[in-house]
Each structure stands twice: as structure tokens, then as C-alpha cells.
Amino acid sequence: MPRRHTSNIVEGSARRTTAEFVNFVNIAAGSVAEARYLVEVSGRLGFVPKDETLQLTTRYTELQAQLQALMRSLRNPPS
């Protein structure tokens, strides 16, 4: 699961158009959101220590923001 978002970005970068690449980055962002949710649930259920849950959710939130920024830059390239 953790590598799924990376694989989507790699696959998308090999596509012919920017729109296709953006679509794969969007799929990767969905995978990151899913992974973050699973970390949160695992923390609530006591499978992951609270400090580790916080650290991981923070990193996933940062990654989500970076993917959103990448999508924005791909959709609206500088002139």
C-alpha cells in the first residue's frame, strides 16, 4: 500500500499528455488519503502508538499538500 501512490506518479509521468499525468497524480493523492485514514484508524484502535500515529498523519498530510500543489502547477503552468 505505501508504494501505490509512488507507482501511480511514475506511471502517470510516462503518459503522453499532461492531463493524463494529472489524473495519475490525483489517483496517487487518493491513495495517500486512504493510507492516512488507515493510520488514523490503526492509532485509534491501539495498533500504532499515539506519537507514531501523529508523526505519520502529519507526513501524509504534508504529502497530500505537495501532491495538490503538483496538480495545480501541472494544470496551470507558468507563462
Protein backbone atom coordinates (compact mmCIF):
# COMPACT_ATOMS: atom_id res chain seq x y z
CA MET A 1 0.00 0.00 0.00
CA PRO A 2 2.61 2.68 0.86
CA ARG A 3 4.23 2.32 -2.57
CA ARG A 4 0.98 2.54 -4.51
CA HIS A 5 0.99 6.34 -4.67
CA THR A 6 4.59 6.34 -5.91
CA SER A 7 3.75 3.82 -8.62
CA ASN A 8 0.84 5.96 -9.80
CA ILE A 9 3.09 9.02 -10.16
CA VAL A 10 5.69 7.03 -12.08
CA GLU A 11 3.07 5.53 -14.37
CA GLY A 12 1.46 8.92 -14.94
CA SER A 13 4.77 10.57 -15.80
CA ALA A 14 5.14 8.12 -18.67
CA ARG A 15 1.80 9.10 -20.21
CA ARG A 16 1.61 11.20 -23.35
CA THR A 17 -0.29 14.22 -22.06
CA THR A 18 -0.18 16.44 -19.02
CA ALA A 19 -3.88 15.77 -18.43
CA GLU A 20 -3.16 12.04 -18.15
CA PHE A 21 -0.29 12.75 -15.75
CA VAL A 22 -2.55 14.95 -13.60
CA ASN A 23 -5.09 12.12 -13.48
CA PHE A 24 -2.48 9.71 -12.12
CA VAL A 25 -1.26 12.27 -9.57
CA ASN A 26 -4.90 12.63 -8.50
CA ILE A 27 -5.13 8.85 -8.07
CA ALA A 28 -1.92 8.96 -6.02
CA ALA A 29 -3.46 11.67 -3.82
CA GLY A 30 -6.42 9.38 -3.21
CA SER A 31 -4.07 6.57 -2.20
CA VAL A 32 -2.30 8.91 0.23
CA ALA A 33 -5.64 9.92 1.78
CA GLU A 34 -6.56 6.26 2.16
CA ALA A 35 -3.23 5.42 3.79
CA ARG A 36 -3.58 8.38 6.19
CA TYR A 37 -7.06 7.20 7.15
CA LEU A 38 -5.80 3.69 7.84
CA VAL A 39 -3.00 5.05 10.04
CA GLU A 40 -5.56 7.10 11.97
CA VAL A 41 -7.84 4.08 12.46
CA SER A 42 -4.89 1.93 13.49
CA GLY A 43 -3.93 4.56 16.05
CA ARG A 44 -7.47 4.78 17.45
CA LEU A 45 -7.58 1.01 17.77
CA GLY A 46 -4.24 0.98 19.58
CA PHE A 47 -2.27 -0.85 16.90
CA VAL A 48 0.07 2.11 16.38
CA PRO A 49 1.43 4.22 19.27
CA LYS A 50 -0.07 7.72 19.51
CA ASP A 51 3.20 9.54 18.85
CA GLU A 52 3.84 7.44 15.74
CA THR A 53 0.25 7.95 14.56
CA LEU A 54 0.68 11.72 14.87
CA GLN A 55 4.01 11.65 13.07
CA LEU A 56 2.66 9.54 10.20
CA THR A 57 -0.56 11.50 9.78
CA THR A 58 1.46 14.72 9.70
CA ARG A 59 3.73 13.32 6.99
CA TYR A 60 0.75 12.08 4.97
CA THR A 61 -0.92 15.49 5.30
CA GLU A 62 2.26 17.16 4.02
CA LEU A 63 2.48 14.71 1.13
CA GLN A 64 -1.18 15.36 0.28
CA ALA A 65 -0.48 19.11 0.14
CA GLN A 66 2.56 18.53 -2.09
CA LEU A 67 0.52 16.42 -4.49
CA GLN A 68 -2.19 19.10 -4.61
CA ALA A 69 0.48 21.71 -5.39
CA LEU A 70 1.90 19.48 -8.14
CA MET A 71 -1.55 19.09 -9.69
CA ARG A 72 -2.10 22.88 -9.58
CA SER A 73 1.25 23.54 -11.22
CA LEU A 74 0.60 20.98 -13.94
CA ARG A 75 -2.87 22.39 -14.66
CA ASN A 76 -1.66 26.00 -14.65
CA PRO A 77 1.95 26.09 -15.88
CA PRO A 78 3.78 29.43 -15.61
CA SER A 79 3.55 31.57 -18.72
